Amino acid sequence: MKLRKALDEKLLDVRLRDRLLAEGKITKEQLEKILAQLQDDAKHAISMEEAQNLQ
């Protein structure tokens, strides 16, 4: 199962993802399924200014 997770994580790399889509090695539906499984961490985001103030 670790290999499957590693392969799915590689699809998050935009360069690799675009190449695999262009070559037909993955479908848009497969990609959408993987992206839909990601959790939304927007509530943890801070601005660059806030990050600089933390230092």
PDB file of N, CA and C in Angstrom:
ATOM      1  N   MET A   1       0.818  -1.192   0.000  1.00  0.00           N
ATOM      2  CA  MET A   1       0.000   0.000   0.000  1.00  0.00           C
ATOM      3  C   MET A   1       0.865   1.261   0.000  1.00  0.00           C
ATOM      4  N   LYS A   2       2.073   1.191   0.517  1.00  0.00           N
ATOM      5  CA  LYS A   2       2.948   2.354   0.538  1.00  0.00           C
ATOM      6  C   LYS A   2       3.297   2.804  -0.872  1.00  0.00           C
ATOM      7  N   LEU A   3       3.479   1.857  -1.774  1.00  0.00           N
ATOM      8  CA  LEU A   3       3.811   2.195  -3.160  1.00  0.00           C
ATOM      9  C   LEU A   3       2.662   2.956  -3.811  1.00  0.00           C
ATOM     10  N   ARG A   4       1.443   2.527  -3.588  1.00  0.00           N
ATOM     11  CA  ARG A   4       0.271   3.215  -4.156  1.00  0.00           C
ATOM     12  C   ARG A   4       0.204   4.654  -3.651  1.00  0.00           C
ATOM     13  N   LYS A   5       0.451   4.848  -2.354  1.00  0.00           N
ATOM     14  CA  LYS A   5       0.410   6.193  -1.782  1.00  0.00           C
ATOM     15  C   LYS A   5       1.513   7.061  -2.386  1.00  0.00           C
ATOM     16  N   ALA A   6       2.695   6.498  -2.557  1.00  0.00           N
ATOM     17  CA  ALA A   6       3.808   7.245  -3.143  1.00  0.00           C
ATOM     18  C   ALA A   6       3.488   7.654  -4.574  1.00  0.00           C
ATOM     19  N   LEU A   7       2.882   6.765  -5.332  1.00  0.00           N
ATOM     20  CA  LEU A   7       2.518   7.084  -6.713  1.00  0.00           C
ATOM     21  C   LEU A   7       1.443   8.168  -6.756  1.00  0.00           C
ATOM     22  N   ASP A   8       0.477   8.094  -5.868  1.00  0.00           N
ATOM     23  CA  ASP A   8      -0.569   9.116  -5.804  1.00  0.00           C
ATOM     24  C   ASP A   8       0.019  10.478  -5.446  1.00  0.00           C
ATOM     25  N   GLU A   9       0.990  10.482  -4.522  1.00  0.00           N
ATOM     26  CA  GLU A   9       1.610  11.740  -4.129  1.00  0.00           C
ATOM     27  C   GLU A   9       2.401  12.358  -5.276  1.00  0.00           C
ATOM     28  N   LYS A  10       2.984  11.528  -6.126  1.00  0.00           N
ATOM     29  CA  LYS A  10       3.717  12.052  -7.274  1.00  0.00           C
ATOM     30  C   LYS A  10       2.785  12.772  -8.239  1.00  0.00           C
ATOM     31  N   LEU A  11       1.526  12.396  -8.247  1.00  0.00           N
ATOM     32  CA  LEU A  11       0.571  13.064  -9.135  1.00  0.00           C
ATOM     33  C   LEU A  11       0.277  14.486  -8.675  1.00  0.00           C
ATOM     34  N   LEU A  12       0.707  14.845  -7.474  1.00  0.00           N
ATOM     35  CA  LEU A  12       0.513  16.204  -6.999  1.00  0.00           C
ATOM     36  C   LEU A  12       1.576  17.141  -7.578  1.00  0.00           C
ATOM     37  N   ASP A  13       2.646  16.586  -8.132  1.00  0.00           N
ATOM     38  CA  ASP A  13       3.668  17.384  -8.808  1.00  0.00           C
ATOM     39  C   ASP A  13       3.090  17.803 -10.159  1.00  0.00           C
ATOM     40  N   VAL A  14       2.887  19.088 -10.346  1.00  0.00           N
ATOM     41  CA  VAL A  14       2.206  19.599 -11.537  1.00  0.00           C
ATOM     42  C   VAL A  14       2.929  19.177 -12.815  1.00  0.00           C
ATOM     43  N   ARG A  15       4.264  19.212 -12.804  1.00  0.00           N
ATOM     44  CA  ARG A  15       5.020  18.865 -14.011  1.00  0.00           C
ATOM     45  C   ARG A  15       4.791  17.409 -14.398  1.00  0.00           C
ATOM     46  N   LEU A  16       4.879  16.518 -13.425  1.00  0.00           N
ATOM     47  CA  LEU A  16       4.682  15.099 -13.700  1.00  0.00           C
ATOM     48  C   LEU A  16       3.237  14.817 -14.067  1.00  0.00           C
ATOM     49  N   ARG A  17       2.326  15.428 -13.344  1.00  0.00           N
ATOM     50  CA  ARG A  17       0.896  15.241 -13.604  1.00  0.00           C
ATOM     51  C   ARG A  17       0.540  15.639 -15.023  1.00  0.00           C
ATOM     52  N   ASP A  18       1.014  16.800 -15.464  1.00  0.00           N
ATOM     53  CA  ASP A  18       0.720  17.262 -16.818  1.00  0.00           C
ATOM     54  C   ASP A  18       1.292  16.331 -17.873  1.00  0.00           C
ATOM     55  N   ARG A  19       2.491  15.832 -17.630  1.00  0.00           N
ATOM     56  CA  ARG A  19       3.115  14.921 -18.588  1.00  0.00           C
ATOM     57  C   ARG A  19       2.327  13.607 -18.679  1.00  0.00           C
ATOM     58  N   LEU A  20       1.940  13.062 -17.538  1.00  0.00           N
ATOM     59  CA  LEU A  20       1.195  11.807 -17.532  1.00  0.00           C
ATOM     60  C   LEU A  20      -0.172  11.968 -18.201  1.00  0.00           C
ATOM     61  N   LEU A  21      -0.811  13.112 -17.982  1.00  0.00           N
ATOM     62  CA  LEU A  21      -2.088  13.376 -18.651  1.00  0.00           C
ATOM     63  C   LEU A  21      -1.892  13.471 -20.169  1.00  0.00           C
ATOM     64  N   ALA A  22      -0.858  14.192 -20.588  1.00  0.00           N
ATOM     65  CA  ALA A  22      -0.596  14.373 -22.018  1.00  0.00           C
ATOM     66  C   ALA A  22      -0.265  13.049 -22.700  1.00  0.00           C
ATOM     67  N   GLU A  23       0.420  12.172 -21.983  1.00  0.00           N
ATOM     68  CA  GLU A  23       0.795  10.861 -22.543  1.00  0.00           C
ATOM     69  C   GLU A  23      -0.332   9.845 -22.437  1.00  0.00           C
ATOM     70  N   GLY A  24      -1.421  10.204 -21.772  1.00  0.00           N
ATOM     71  CA  GLY A  24      -2.545   9.289 -21.627  1.00  0.00           C
ATOM     72  C   GLY A  24      -2.323   8.194 -20.603  1.00  0.00           C
ATOM     73  N   LYS A  25      -1.330   8.366 -19.739  1.00  0.00           N
ATOM     74  CA  LYS A  25      -1.033   7.348 -18.735  1.00  0.00           C
ATOM     75  C   LYS A  25      -1.969   7.434 -17.540  1.00  0.00           C
ATOM     76  N   ILE A  26      -2.591   8.600 -17.342  1.00  0.00           N
ATOM     77  CA  ILE A  26      -3.644   8.750 -16.353  1.00  0.00           C
ATOM     78  C   ILE A  26      -4.779   9.529 -17.013  1.00  0.00           C
ATOM     79  N   THR A  27      -5.950   9.343 -16.483  1.00  0.00           N
ATOM     80  CA  THR A  27      -7.098  10.074 -17.022  1.00  0.00           C
ATOM     81  C   THR A  27      -7.426  11.244 -16.112  1.00  0.00           C
ATOM     82  N   LYS A  28      -8.157  12.183 -16.657  1.00  0.00           N
ATOM     83  CA  LYS A  28      -8.583  13.332 -15.861  1.00  0.00           C
ATOM     84  C   LYS A  28      -9.455  12.871 -14.697  1.00  0.00           C
ATOM     85  N   GLU A  29     -10.250  11.833 -14.916  1.00  0.00           N
ATOM     86  CA  GLU A  29     -11.116  11.301 -13.862  1.00  0.00           C
ATOM     87  C   GLU A  29     -10.284  10.723 -12.711  1.00  0.00           C
ATOM     88  N   GLN A  30      -9.207  10.013 -13.048  1.00  0.00           N
ATOM     89  CA  GLN A  30      -8.334   9.460 -12.013  1.00  0.00           C
ATOM     90  C   GLN A  30      -7.719  10.591 -11.186  1.00  0.00           C
ATOM     91  N   LEU A  31      -7.266  11.614 -11.866  1.00  0.00           N
ATOM     92  CA  LEU A  31      -6.657  12.749 -11.184  1.00  0.00           C
ATOM     93  C   LEU A  31      -7.669  13.450 -10.287  1.00  0.00           C
ATOM     94  N   GLU A  32      -8.867  13.664 -10.783  1.00  0.00           N
ATOM     95  CA  GLU A  32      -9.903  14.320  -9.987  1.00  0.00           C
ATOM     96  C   GLU A  32     -10.238  13.521  -8.738  1.00  0.00           C
ATOM     97  N   LYS A  33     -10.233  12.205  -8.860  1.00  0.00           N
ATOM     98  CA  LYS A  33     -10.514  11.346  -7.707  1.00  0.00           C
ATOM     99  C   LYS A  33      -9.444  11.525  -6.640  1.00  0.00           C
ATOM    100  N   ILE A  34      -8.196  11.571  -7.044  1.00  0.00           N
ATOM    101  CA  ILE A  34      -7.095  11.734  -6.095  1.00  0.00           C
ATOM    102  C   ILE A  34      -7.158  13.110  -5.435  1.00  0.00           C
ATOM    103  N   LEU A  35      -7.399  14.143  -6.241  1.00  0.00           N
ATOM    104  CA  LEU A  35      -7.462  15.498  -5.696  1.00  0.00           C
ATOM    105  C   LEU A  35      -8.652  15.674  -4.753  1.00  0.00           C
ATOM    106  N   ALA A  36      -9.745  14.981  -5.019  1.00  0.00           N
ATOM    107  CA  ALA A  36     -10.927  15.080  -4.167  1.00  0.00           C
ATOM    108  C   ALA A  36     -10.682  14.475  -2.782  1.00  0.00           C
ATOM    109  N   GLN A  37      -9.722  13.577  -2.691  1.00  0.00           N
ATOM    110  CA  GLN A  37      -9.422  12.922  -1.421  1.00  0.00           C
ATOM    111  C   GLN A  37      -8.547  13.775  -0.509  1.00  0.00           C
ATOM    112  N   LEU A  38      -7.980  14.856  -1.044  1.00  0.00           N
ATOM    113  CA  LEU A  38      -7.131  15.718  -0.235  1.00  0.00           C
ATOM    114  C   LEU A  38      -7.984  16.517   0.744  1.00  0.00           C
ATOM    115  N   GLN A  39      -7.472  16.675   1.932  1.00  0.00           N
ATOM    116  CA  GLN A  39      -8.215  17.472   2.905  1.00  0.00           C
ATOM    117  C   GLN A  39      -7.891  18.951   2.717  1.00  0.00           C
ATOM    118  N   ASP A  40      -8.807  19.798   3.099  1.00  0.00           N
ATOM    119  CA  ASP A  40      -8.656  21.241   2.961  1.00  0.00           C
ATOM    120  C   ASP A  40      -7.974  21.791   4.215  1.00  0.00           C
ATOM    121  N   ASP A  41      -6.775  22.318   4.052  1.00  0.00           N
ATOM    122  CA  ASP A  41      -6.039  22.882   5.181  1.00  0.00           C
ATOM    123  C   ASP A  41      -6.051  24.403   5.179  1.00  0.00           C
ATOM    124  N   ALA A  42      -7.003  25.000   4.497  1.00  0.00           N
ATOM    125  CA  ALA A  42      -7.074  26.460   4.401  1.00  0.00           C
ATOM    126  C   ALA A  42      -7.187  27.109   5.777  1.00  0.00           C
ATOM    127  N   LYS A  43      -7.806  26.427   6.719  1.00  0.00           N
ATOM    128  CA  LYS A  43      -7.975  27.015   8.056  1.00  0.00           C
ATOM    129  C   LYS A  43      -6.637  27.192   8.774  1.00  0.00           C
ATOM    130  N   HIS A  44      -5.593  26.525   8.305  1.00  0.00           N
ATOM    131  CA  HIS A  44      -4.274  26.628   8.915  1.00  0.00           C
ATOM    132  C   HIS A  44      -3.379  27.650   8.213  1.00  0.00           C
ATOM    133  N   ALA A  45      -3.861  28.250   7.146  1.00  0.00           N
ATOM    134  CA  ALA A  45      -3.053  29.184   6.355  1.00  0.00           C
ATOM    135  C   ALA A  45      -2.908  30.520   7.079  1.00  0.00           C
ATOM    136  N   ILE A  46      -1.725  31.113   6.908  1.00  0.00           N
ATOM    137  CA  ILE A  46      -1.488  32.458   7.423  1.00  0.00           C
ATOM    138  C   ILE A  46      -0.833  33.271   6.311  1.00  0.00           C
ATOM    139  N   SER A  47      -0.935  34.575   6.413  1.00  0.00           N
ATOM    140  CA  SER A  47      -0.347  35.441   5.389  1.00  0.00           C
ATOM    141  C   SER A  47       1.165  35.489   5.563  1.00  0.00           C
ATOM    142  N   MET A  48       1.863  35.956   4.542  1.00  0.00           N
ATOM    143  CA  MET A  48       3.316  36.096   4.619  1.00  0.00           C
ATOM    144  C   MET A  48       3.689  37.090   5.712  1.00  0.00           C
ATOM    145  N   GLU A  49       2.893  38.140   5.854  1.00  0.00           N
ATOM    146  CA  GLU A  49       3.160  39.133   6.890  1.00  0.00           C
ATOM    147  C   GLU A  49       3.063  38.495   8.279  1.00  0.00           C
ATOM    148  N   GLU A  50       2.051  37.677   8.500  1.00  0.00           N
ATOM    149  CA  GLU A  50       1.908  37.005   9.782  1.00  0.00           C
ATOM    150  C   GLU A  50       3.078  36.059  10.034  1.00  0.00           C
ATOM    151  N   ALA A  51       3.533  35.387   9.005  1.00  0.00           N
ATOM    152  CA  ALA A  51       4.651  34.465   9.143  1.00  0.00           C
ATOM    153  C   ALA A  51       5.929  35.211   9.514  1.00  0.00           C
ATOM    154  N   GLN A  52       6.141  36.380   8.919  1.00  0.00           N
ATOM    155  CA  GLN A  52       7.326  37.173   9.224  1.00  0.00           C
ATOM    156  C   GLN A  52       7.267  37.680  10.664  1.00  0.00           C
ATOM    157  N   ASN A  53       6.083  37.990  11.144  1.00  0.00           N
ATOM    158  CA  ASN A  53       5.935  38.470  12.520  1.00  0.00           C
ATOM    159  C   ASN A  53       6.191  37.369  13.546  1.00  0.00           C
ATOM    160  N   LEU A  54       6.092  36.122  13.139  1.00  0.00           N
ATOM    161  CA  LEU A  54       6.342  35.006  14.043  1.00  0.00           C
ATOM    162  C   LEU A  54       7.838  34.824  14.310  1.00  0.00           C
ATOM    163  N   GLN A  55       8.656  35.364  13.429  1.00  0.00           N
ATOM    164  CA  GLN A  55      10.113  35.160  13.570  1.00  0.00           C
ATOM    165  C   GLN A  55      10.723  36.061  14.565  1.00  0.00           C
TER     166      GLN A  55
END
